[in-house]
């Protein structure tokens, strides 16, 4: 079930947009409140691109959570129903995902 749901959610990931608030276009989606803890791991496999990790808050506004350097791996605590995006230089959307279970992403 974990992989099926993650695959469905990751189907959203390669959309790109020139949206004013960032590269990822997530429409009117936002994070939902929950007390169910989750975590995800992101591995930046690119050798020359830094990724920016954004949490999309309860009002649909992006909040910069950090940078993931080339060939770096991070684990981020979060909650069920939280929406996240990953962007790279050049206004490129790398991923959009809604957390339902613990997951691991590898970005090239």
C-alpha atoms as a PDB file:
ATOM      1  CA  UNK A   1       0.000   0.000   0.000  1.00  0.00           C
ATOM      2  CA  UNK A   2       2.846   2.381   0.882  1.00  0.00           C
ATOM      3  CA  UNK A   3       4.389   2.074  -2.585  1.00  0.00           C
ATOM      4  CA  UNK A   4       1.057   2.353  -4.412  1.00  0.00           C
ATOM      5  CA  UNK A   5       0.119   5.536  -2.564  1.00  0.00           C
ATOM      6  CA  UNK A   6       3.596   6.996  -2.934  1.00  0.00           C
ATOM      7  CA  UNK A   7       3.523   6.204  -6.660  1.00  0.00           C
ATOM      8  CA  UNK A   8       0.162   7.916  -7.029  1.00  0.00           C
ATOM      9  CA  UNK A   9       1.329  10.988  -5.169  1.00  0.00           C
ATOM     10  CA  UNK A  10       4.613  11.099  -7.037  1.00  0.00           C
ATOM     11  CA  UNK A  11       2.702  11.127 -10.310  1.00  0.00           C
ATOM     12  CA  UNK A  12       2.221  14.805  -9.506  1.00  0.00           C
ATOM     13  CA  UNK A  13       5.930  15.418  -9.225  1.00  0.00           C
ATOM     14  CA  UNK A  14       7.198  16.449 -12.606  1.00  0.00           C
ATOM     15  CA  UNK A  15       4.835  19.345 -13.273  1.00  0.00           C
ATOM     16  CA  UNK A  16       6.634  22.596 -13.897  1.00  0.00           C
ATOM     17  CA  UNK A  17       5.306  26.094 -13.900  1.00  0.00           C
ATOM     18  CA  UNK A  18       6.437  29.665 -13.887  1.00  0.00           C
ATOM     19  CA  UNK A  19       4.248  30.457 -10.883  1.00  0.00           C
ATOM     20  CA  UNK A  20       5.233  33.644  -9.078  1.00  0.00           C
ATOM     21  CA  UNK A  21       5.646  31.909  -5.704  1.00  0.00           C
ATOM     22  CA  UNK A  22       7.949  29.231  -7.042  1.00  0.00           C
ATOM     23  CA  UNK A  23       8.550  26.690  -9.728  1.00  0.00           C
ATOM     24  CA  UNK A  24       6.009  24.117  -8.527  1.00  0.00           C
ATOM     25  CA  UNK A  25       2.363  24.656  -9.348  1.00  0.00           C
ATOM     26  CA  UNK A  26       0.132  23.017  -6.728  1.00  0.00           C
ATOM     27  CA  UNK A  27      -3.059  24.977  -7.406  1.00  0.00           C
ATOM     28  CA  UNK A  28      -5.145  25.536  -4.295  1.00  0.00           C
ATOM     29  CA  UNK A  29      -3.689  22.533  -2.454  1.00  0.00           C
ATOM     30  CA  UNK A  30      -2.350  23.031   1.070  1.00  0.00           C
ATOM     31  CA  UNK A  31      -1.279  21.038   4.120  1.00  0.00           C
ATOM     32  CA  UNK A  32      -3.891  19.588   6.456  1.00  0.00           C
ATOM     33  CA  UNK A  33      -3.631  19.480  10.232  1.00  0.00           C
ATOM     34  CA  UNK A  34      -2.750  16.114  11.746  1.00  0.00           C
ATOM     35  CA  UNK A  35      -1.030  14.679  14.811  1.00  0.00           C
ATOM     36  CA  UNK A  36       0.116  11.532  12.960  1.00  0.00           C
ATOM     37  CA  UNK A  37       3.893  11.831  12.669  1.00  0.00           C
ATOM     38  CA  UNK A  38       5.686  10.833   9.487  1.00  0.00           C
ATOM     39  CA  UNK A  39       9.100  11.405   7.937  1.00  0.00           C
ATOM     40  CA  UNK A  40      10.620  11.422   4.504  1.00  0.00           C
ATOM     41  CA  UNK A  41      14.145  11.182   3.153  1.00  0.00           C
ATOM     42  CA  UNK A  42      15.329  13.064   0.089  1.00  0.00           C
ATOM     43  CA  UNK A  43      18.519  12.168  -1.721  1.00  0.00           C
ATOM     44  CA  UNK A  44      19.836  14.758  -4.172  1.00  0.00           C
ATOM     45  CA  UNK A  45      21.722  12.662  -6.711  1.00  0.00           C
ATOM     46  CA  UNK A  46      22.585  15.646  -8.897  1.00  0.00           C
ATOM     47  CA  UNK A  47      26.285  16.483  -8.925  1.00  0.00           C
ATOM     48  CA  UNK A  48      25.845  20.200  -9.528  1.00  0.00           C
ATOM     49  CA  UNK A  49      22.352  21.339  -8.395  1.00  0.00           C
ATOM     50  CA  UNK A  50      21.141  22.447  -4.998  1.00  0.00           C
ATOM     51  CA  UNK A  51      17.507  21.633  -4.207  1.00  0.00           C
ATOM     52  CA  UNK A  52      15.191  23.833  -2.141  1.00  0.00           C
ATOM     53  CA  UNK A  53      12.687  22.128   0.164  1.00  0.00           C
ATOM     54  CA  UNK A  54       9.387  23.939   0.812  1.00  0.00           C
ATOM     55  CA  UNK A  55       6.525  23.024   3.115  1.00  0.00           C
ATOM     56  CA  UNK A  56       3.190  24.315   1.825  1.00  0.00           C
ATOM     57  CA  UNK A  57       1.464  25.639   4.928  1.00  0.00           C
ATOM     58  CA  UNK A  58      -2.209  25.429   5.954  1.00  0.00           C
ATOM     59  CA  UNK A  59      -3.012  28.549   3.903  1.00  0.00           C
ATOM     60  CA  UNK A  60      -1.233  27.268   0.782  1.00  0.00           C
ATOM     61  CA  UNK A  61       1.862  29.449   1.214  1.00  0.00           C
ATOM     62  CA  UNK A  62       5.348  27.995   0.628  1.00  0.00           C
ATOM     63  CA  UNK A  63       7.716  28.018   3.616  1.00  0.00           C
ATOM     64  CA  UNK A  64      11.386  27.401   2.845  1.00  0.00           C
ATOM     65  CA  UNK A  65      12.627  24.573   5.075  1.00  0.00           C
ATOM     66  CA  UNK A  66      16.128  24.215   3.757  1.00  0.00           C
ATOM     67  CA  UNK A  67      18.577  23.398   1.023  1.00  0.00           C
ATOM     68  CA  UNK A  68      19.776  19.987  -0.085  1.00  0.00           C
ATOM     69  CA  UNK A  69      23.226  20.256  -1.629  1.00  0.00           C
ATOM     70  CA  UNK A  70      24.549  18.139  -4.489  1.00  0.00           C
ATOM     71  CA  UNK A  71      24.898  14.473  -3.484  1.00  0.00           C
ATOM     72  CA  UNK A  72      23.405  15.234  -0.063  1.00  0.00           C
ATOM     73  CA  UNK A  73      20.691  13.267   1.754  1.00  0.00           C
ATOM     74  CA  UNK A  74      18.344  14.610   4.438  1.00  0.00           C
ATOM     75  CA  UNK A  75      15.533  13.212   6.571  1.00  0.00           C
ATOM     76  CA  UNK A  76      12.676  15.557   7.449  1.00  0.00           C
ATOM     77  CA  UNK A  77      10.058  15.018  10.135  1.00  0.00           C
ATOM     78  CA  UNK A  78       6.515  15.959   9.142  1.00  0.00           C
ATOM     79  CA  UNK A  79       2.869  14.923   9.571  1.00  0.00           C
ATOM     80  CA  UNK A  80       0.291  12.968   7.604  1.00  0.00           C
ATOM     81  CA  UNK A  81      -1.438  15.298   5.125  1.00  0.00           C
ATOM     82  CA  UNK A  82       1.404  17.796   4.780  1.00  0.00           C
ATOM     83  CA  UNK A  83       2.238  19.049   1.283  1.00  0.00           C
ATOM     84  CA  UNK A  84       5.868  19.571   0.209  1.00  0.00           C
ATOM     85  CA  UNK A  85       7.665  20.734  -2.923  1.00  0.00           C
ATOM     86  CA  UNK A  86      11.258  20.456  -4.081  1.00  0.00           C
ATOM     87  CA  UNK A  87      12.704  22.988  -6.514  1.00  0.00           C
ATOM     88  CA  UNK A  88      16.095  23.442  -8.112  1.00  0.00           C
ATOM     89  CA  UNK A  89      17.923  26.323  -9.735  1.00  0.00           C
ATOM     90  CA  UNK A  90      16.467  27.710 -12.915  1.00  0.00           C
ATOM     91  CA  UNK A  91      12.919  27.714 -11.528  1.00  0.00           C
ATOM     92  CA  UNK A  92      12.548  23.944 -12.044  1.00  0.00           C
ATOM     93  CA  UNK A  93      10.008  21.890 -10.114  1.00  0.00           C
ATOM     94  CA  UNK A  94      11.551  18.581  -9.054  1.00  0.00           C
ATOM     95  CA  UNK A  95       8.703  17.147  -6.934  1.00  0.00           C
ATOM     96  CA  UNK A  96       5.325  17.842  -5.348  1.00  0.00           C
ATOM     97  CA  UNK A  97       4.134  15.341  -2.759  1.00  0.00           C
ATOM     98  CA  UNK A  98       1.495  14.944  -0.089  1.00  0.00           C
ATOM     99  CA  UNK A  99       2.711  12.838   2.831  1.00  0.00           C
ATOM    100  CA  UNK A 100       0.603   9.783   3.632  1.00  0.00           C
ATOM    101  CA  UNK A 101       3.349   7.422   4.810  1.00  0.00           C
ATOM    102  CA  UNK A 102       7.076   7.487   5.430  1.00  0.00           C
ATOM    103  CA  UNK A 103       8.857   7.646   2.090  1.00  0.00           C
ATOM    104  CA  UNK A 104      12.162   8.106   0.345  1.00  0.00           C
ATOM    105  CA  UNK A 105      12.743  10.231  -2.750  1.00  0.00           C
ATOM    106  CA  UNK A 106      15.770  10.228  -5.012  1.00  0.00           C
ATOM    107  CA  UNK A 107      16.152  13.201  -7.335  1.00  0.00           C
ATOM    108  CA  UNK A 108      18.601  13.234 -10.252  1.00  0.00           C
END
